[in-house]
Amino acid sequence: MLDLSYDGNLAITAGLRGAPTAVWLDKIDITTGERLRVYEKSVEHGQVFLHSARFDHDAKSVVFLQDTETLRAWLHRPS
């Protein structure tokens, strides 16, 4: 999964581990290549699914669908 901010300065990527027993979102600064984990969830029993992740209009947060919940991860840009 990959999404780019409207201005093209940031990317959001997702990863998973296991069956999947863990999911995460990483923000990537396109200019510097800096990667920052902005969300992570793991479960001991069962599975966790990340269906979609998209930047909001001003790239201050990422809205994502995990299992049956719509969630938001706020991003903090360096000044």
Protein backbone atom coordinates (compact mmCIF):
# COMPACT_ATOMS: atom_id res chain seq x y z
CA MET A 1 0.00 0.00 0.00
CA LEU A 2 1.34 3.45 -0.90
CA ASP A 3 -0.14 6.93 -0.96
CA LEU A 4 1.51 10.26 -1.80
CA SER A 5 0.52 13.59 -0.27
CA TYR A 6 -1.04 16.09 -2.69
CA ASP A 7 2.14 18.18 -2.76
CA GLY A 8 4.27 15.09 -3.41
CA ASN A 9 6.53 15.69 -0.37
CA LEU A 10 5.39 12.74 1.74
CA ALA A 11 4.56 9.09 1.18
CA ILE A 12 2.75 6.68 3.46
CA THR A 13 3.56 2.97 3.28
CA ALA A 14 2.12 0.01 5.13
CA GLY A 15 3.56 -3.28 6.22
CA LEU A 16 2.42 -6.48 7.88
CA ARG A 17 3.93 -9.42 9.67
CA GLY A 18 2.71 -12.93 10.22
CA ALA A 19 -0.74 -14.13 9.28
CA PRO A 20 -1.03 -11.01 9.72
CA THR A 21 -0.50 -10.52 13.44
CA ALA A 22 0.95 -7.00 13.10
CA VAL A 23 0.39 -4.01 10.81
CA TRP A 24 2.07 -0.60 10.66
CA LEU A 25 2.19 2.69 8.76
CA ASP A 26 5.42 4.54 7.95
CA LYS A 27 5.63 8.17 6.79
CA ILE A 28 8.47 8.85 4.34
CA ASP A 29 9.83 12.31 3.57
CA ILE A 30 10.48 12.17 -0.18
CA THR A 31 13.24 14.81 -0.09
CA THR A 32 15.35 13.36 2.74
CA GLY A 33 14.26 9.71 2.69
CA GLU A 34 13.57 9.91 6.44
CA ARG A 35 11.17 7.18 7.57
CA LEU A 36 9.00 7.49 10.68
CA ARG A 37 6.62 4.87 12.10
CA VAL A 38 3.31 6.66 12.76
CA TYR A 39 1.11 3.69 13.70
CA GLU A 40 1.54 0.07 14.72
CA LYS A 41 -0.75 -2.62 16.08
CA SER A 42 -0.07 -6.25 16.90
CA VAL A 43 -2.27 -9.01 18.27
CA GLU A 44 -1.33 -12.25 20.01
CA HIS A 45 -4.45 -14.14 18.95
CA GLY A 46 -6.32 -13.75 15.69
CA GLN A 47 -5.45 -11.43 12.85
CA VAL A 48 -5.37 -7.71 12.14
CA PHE A 49 -5.96 -6.26 8.67
CA LEU A 50 -5.10 -2.86 7.23
CA HIS A 51 -7.39 -2.31 4.23
CA SER A 52 -6.57 1.24 3.13
CA ALA A 53 -4.56 4.31 4.15
CA ARG A 54 -4.77 7.79 2.60
CA PHE A 55 -3.47 11.26 3.43
CA ASP A 56 -6.03 13.90 4.35
CA HIS A 57 -6.13 17.04 2.16
CA ASP A 58 -3.35 18.93 3.99
CA ALA A 59 -1.13 15.89 4.84
CA LYS A 60 -1.42 16.51 8.59
CA SER A 61 -2.86 13.06 9.16
CA VAL A 62 -3.50 9.70 7.54
CA VAL A 63 -6.96 8.17 7.60
CA PHE A 64 -6.99 4.38 7.46
CA LEU A 65 -9.32 1.40 7.68
CA GLN A 66 -8.13 -1.32 10.05
CA ASP A 67 -10.41 -4.32 10.35
CA THR A 68 -13.84 -2.63 10.72
CA GLU A 69 -12.62 0.68 12.22
CA THR A 70 -11.84 3.95 10.49
CA LEU A 71 -8.91 5.55 12.33
CA ARG A 72 -6.67 8.61 12.02
CA ALA A 73 -2.93 8.87 12.66
CA TRP A 74 -1.70 12.45 13.14
CA LEU A 75 1.62 13.32 11.52
CA HIS A 76 4.13 15.80 12.87
CA ARG A 77 6.29 17.50 10.28
CA PRO A 78 9.67 18.82 11.34
CA SER A 79 9.76 22.64 11.33
